[in-house]
Amino acid sequence: MLLRRSLVAVIVIAAGIAISSRAADEKSPAADAPKEKPKATKLFKPWSDLTSLSDEQKGKIRDIHTKFLADRKALEDKQHDDIFALLSDDQKVELKKVETANKGGKKSADAPTDEKKD
């Protein structure tokens, strides 16, 4: 009797594992596929104050703004590179140190510095 219960338990567990494994395999491709759910459009002023904009208009505004931000970033990078080319080697080293320090967090004007001014 005990052997029969053990055998039934093993069969039930094996069936459960097989079913859950198959269900996971069926769900995997759907999880890998990109979701078609549209992003909520977050507008900025003054466009966010317009209540009559359609979803299509909101999407186009978002696309235009995204392109603007990319273009502005490209211009800022070009400006940085052009000015960097004007600097001497010592100034380039100094600038890299300043940029590295700024990436770690911007210092406030009241923050103590390691340099002593006389």
C-alpha atoms as a PDB file:
ATOM      1  CA  MET A   1       0.000   0.000   0.000  1.00  0.00           C
ATOM      2  CA  LEU A   2       2.821   2.416   0.874  1.00  0.00           C
ATOM      3  CA  LEU A   3       4.613   1.534  -2.340  1.00  0.00           C
ATOM      4  CA  ARG A   4       1.479   2.270  -4.333  1.00  0.00           C
ATOM      5  CA  ARG A   5       1.089   5.748  -2.707  1.00  0.00           C
ATOM      6  CA  SER A   6       4.743   6.546  -3.374  1.00  0.00           C
ATOM      7  CA  LEU A   7       4.393   5.485  -6.997  1.00  0.00           C
ATOM      8  CA  VAL A   8       1.266   7.646  -7.442  1.00  0.00           C
ATOM      9  CA  ALA A   9       3.016  10.605  -5.781  1.00  0.00           C
ATOM     10  CA  VAL A  10       6.006  10.265  -8.109  1.00  0.00           C
ATOM     11  CA  ILE A  11       3.750  10.104 -11.166  1.00  0.00           C
ATOM     12  CA  VAL A  12       1.770  13.175 -10.056  1.00  0.00           C
ATOM     13  CA  ILE A  13       4.965  15.137  -9.404  1.00  0.00           C
ATOM     14  CA  ALA A  14       6.466  14.098 -12.748  1.00  0.00           C
ATOM     15  CA  ALA A  15       3.268  15.091 -14.570  1.00  0.00           C
ATOM     16  CA  GLY A  16       3.248  18.447 -12.790  1.00  0.00           C
ATOM     17  CA  ILE A  17       6.849  19.124 -13.784  1.00  0.00           C
ATOM     18  CA  ALA A  18       6.174  18.121 -17.384  1.00  0.00           C
ATOM     19  CA  ILE A  19       3.101  20.365 -17.623  1.00  0.00           C
ATOM     20  CA  SER A  20       4.803  23.370 -16.049  1.00  0.00           C
ATOM     21  CA  SER A  21       7.865  22.903 -18.253  1.00  0.00           C
ATOM     22  CA  ARG A  22       5.713  22.806 -21.373  1.00  0.00           C
ATOM     23  CA  ALA A  23       3.735  25.852 -20.260  1.00  0.00           C
ATOM     24  CA  ALA A  24       6.973  27.774 -19.665  1.00  0.00           C
ATOM     25  CA  ASP A  25       8.200  26.834 -23.156  1.00  0.00           C
ATOM     26  CA  GLU A  26       4.988  28.127 -24.701  1.00  0.00           C
ATOM     27  CA  LYS A  27       5.249  31.449 -22.835  1.00  0.00           C
ATOM     28  CA  SER A  28       8.926  32.079 -23.629  1.00  0.00           C
ATOM     29  CA  PRO A  29       8.502  33.328 -27.221  1.00  0.00           C
ATOM     30  CA  ALA A  30       5.790  35.749 -26.116  1.00  0.00           C
ATOM     31  CA  ALA A  31       8.062  37.121 -23.408  1.00  0.00           C
ATOM     32  CA  ASP A  32      10.880  37.658 -25.903  1.00  0.00           C
ATOM     33  CA  ALA A  33       8.660  39.466 -28.405  1.00  0.00           C
ATOM     34  CA  PRO A  34       8.466  43.238 -28.022  1.00  0.00           C
ATOM     35  CA  LYS A  35       5.246  44.472 -26.583  1.00  0.00           C
ATOM     36  CA  GLU A  36       3.093  46.617 -28.826  1.00  0.00           C
ATOM     37  CA  LYS A  37       1.701  48.649 -25.941  1.00  0.00           C
ATOM     38  CA  PRO A  38       2.142  52.330 -26.813  1.00  0.00           C
ATOM     39  CA  LYS A  39       4.047  54.506 -24.378  1.00  0.00           C
ATOM     40  CA  ALA A  40       2.153  57.113 -22.485  1.00  0.00           C
ATOM     41  CA  THR A  41       3.085  60.440 -23.984  1.00  0.00           C
ATOM     42  CA  LYS A  42       4.367  62.885 -21.419  1.00  0.00           C
ATOM     43  CA  LEU A  43       4.194  66.349 -22.842  1.00  0.00           C
ATOM     44  CA  PHE A  44       5.923  69.467 -21.640  1.00  0.00           C
ATOM     45  CA  LYS A  45       4.616  73.018 -21.425  1.00  0.00           C
ATOM     46  CA  PRO A  46       3.034  74.688 -23.308  1.00  0.00           C
ATOM     47  CA  TRP A  47       1.871  71.536 -25.140  1.00  0.00           C
ATOM     48  CA  SER A  48       0.768  69.810 -21.962  1.00  0.00           C
ATOM     49  CA  ASP A  49      -1.751  72.606 -21.367  1.00  0.00           C
ATOM     50  CA  LEU A  50      -3.608  71.796 -24.600  1.00  0.00           C
ATOM     51  CA  THR A  51      -6.491  69.485 -23.766  1.00  0.00           C
ATOM     52  CA  SER A  52      -7.673  68.937 -27.342  1.00  0.00           C
ATOM     53  CA  LEU A  53      -4.569  67.141 -28.693  1.00  0.00           C
ATOM     54  CA  SER A  54      -5.171  63.738 -30.234  1.00  0.00           C
ATOM     55  CA  ASP A  55      -2.980  60.745 -29.397  1.00  0.00           C
ATOM     56  CA  GLU A  56      -1.451  61.026 -32.879  1.00  0.00           C
ATOM     57  CA  GLN A  57      -0.537  64.676 -32.297  1.00  0.00           C
ATOM     58  CA  LYS A  58       0.922  63.857 -28.887  1.00  0.00           C
ATOM     59  CA  GLY A  59       3.028  61.104 -30.450  1.00  0.00           C
ATOM     60  CA  LYS A  60       4.300  63.425 -33.182  1.00  0.00           C
ATOM     61  CA  ILE A  61       5.166  66.103 -30.605  1.00  0.00           C
ATOM     62  CA  ARG A  62       7.076  63.495 -28.612  1.00  0.00           C
ATOM     63  CA  ASP A  63       8.938  62.366 -31.763  1.00  0.00           C
ATOM     64  CA  ILE A  64       9.849  65.953 -32.691  1.00  0.00           C
ATOM     65  CA  HIS A  65      11.086  66.646 -29.164  1.00  0.00           C
ATOM     66  CA  THR A  66      13.098  63.406 -29.067  1.00  0.00           C
ATOM     67  CA  LYS A  67      14.789  64.361 -32.346  1.00  0.00           C
ATOM     68  CA  PHE A  68      15.477  67.843 -30.979  1.00  0.00           C
ATOM     69  CA  LEU A  69      17.123  66.399 -27.871  1.00  0.00           C
ATOM     70  CA  ALA A  70      19.318  64.111 -29.995  1.00  0.00           C
ATOM     71  CA  ASP A  71      20.317  67.011 -32.257  1.00  0.00           C
ATOM     72  CA  ARG A  72      21.101  69.222 -29.260  1.00  0.00           C
ATOM     73  CA  LYS A  73      23.255  66.472 -27.735  1.00  0.00           C
ATOM     74  CA  ALA A  74      25.150  66.121 -31.028  1.00  0.00           C
ATOM     75  CA  LEU A  75      25.757  69.897 -31.150  1.00  0.00           C
ATOM     76  CA  GLU A  76      26.952  69.957 -27.541  1.00  0.00           C
ATOM     77  CA  ASP A  77      29.334  67.077 -28.244  1.00  0.00           C
ATOM     78  CA  LYS A  78      30.692  68.829 -31.349  1.00  0.00           C
ATOM     79  CA  GLN A  79      31.173  72.050 -29.398  1.00  0.00           C
ATOM     80  CA  HIS A  80      33.038  70.169 -26.684  1.00  0.00           C
ATOM     81  CA  ASP A  81      35.275  68.442 -29.225  1.00  0.00           C
ATOM     82  CA  ASP A  82      36.011  71.694 -31.094  1.00  0.00           C
ATOM     83  CA  ILE A  83      36.936  73.543 -27.905  1.00  0.00           C
ATOM     84  CA  PHE A  84      38.911  70.559 -26.619  1.00  0.00           C
ATOM     85  CA  ALA A  85      41.006  70.707 -29.806  1.00  0.00           C
ATOM     86  CA  LEU A  86      42.024  74.291 -28.920  1.00  0.00           C
ATOM     87  CA  LEU A  87      43.437  73.369 -25.508  1.00  0.00           C
ATOM     88  CA  SER A  88      47.060  72.663 -24.681  1.00  0.00           C
ATOM     89  CA  ASP A  89      48.026  69.226 -23.374  1.00  0.00           C
ATOM     90  CA  ASP A  90      48.144  70.502 -19.772  1.00  0.00           C
ATOM     91  CA  GLN A  91      44.709  72.075 -20.154  1.00  0.00           C
ATOM     92  CA  LYS A  92      43.329  68.824 -21.583  1.00  0.00           C
ATOM     93  CA  VAL A  93      44.605  66.907 -18.533  1.00  0.00           C
ATOM     94  CA  GLU A  94      43.114  69.527 -16.220  1.00  0.00           C
ATOM     95  CA  LEU A  95      39.776  69.399 -18.061  1.00  0.00           C
ATOM     96  CA  LYS A  96      39.625  65.604 -17.815  1.00  0.00           C
ATOM     97  CA  LYS A  97      40.161  65.853 -14.049  1.00  0.00           C
ATOM     98  CA  VAL A  98      37.384  68.454 -13.762  1.00  0.00           C
ATOM     99  CA  GLU A  99      35.003  66.376 -15.883  1.00  0.00           C
ATOM    100  CA  THR A 100      35.758  63.256 -13.845  1.00  0.00           C
ATOM    101  CA  ALA A 101      35.097  65.131 -10.605  1.00  0.00           C
ATOM    102  CA  ASN A 102      31.818  66.490 -11.982  1.00  0.00           C
ATOM    103  CA  LYS A 103      30.628  63.028 -13.022  1.00  0.00           C
ATOM    104  CA  GLY A 104      30.936  61.853  -9.433  1.00  0.00           C
ATOM    105  CA  GLY A 105      28.430  64.471  -8.370  1.00  0.00           C
ATOM    106  CA  LYS A 106      28.347  68.182  -8.658  1.00  0.00           C
ATOM    107  CA  LYS A 107      30.022  69.978  -5.800  1.00  0.00           C
ATOM    108  CA  SER A 108      28.136  72.777  -4.179  1.00  0.00           C
ATOM    109  CA  ALA A 109      29.747  76.199  -3.907  1.00  0.00           C
ATOM    110  CA  ASP A 110      29.989  75.754  -0.126  1.00  0.00           C
ATOM    111  CA  ALA A 111      31.672  72.363  -0.269  1.00  0.00           C
ATOM    112  CA  PRO A 112      35.221  72.269   1.073  1.00  0.00           C
ATOM    113  CA  THR A 113      37.980  71.737  -1.435  1.00  0.00           C
ATOM    114  CA  ASP A 114      41.380  70.133  -1.077  1.00  0.00           C
ATOM    115  CA  GLU A 115      43.144  73.206  -2.440  1.00  0.00           C
ATOM    116  CA  LYS A 116      44.258  75.900  -0.029  1.00  0.00           C
ATOM    117  CA  LYS A 117      43.948  79.461  -1.222  1.00  0.00           C
ATOM    118  CA  ASP A 118      46.349  82.014   0.217  1.00  0.00           C
END
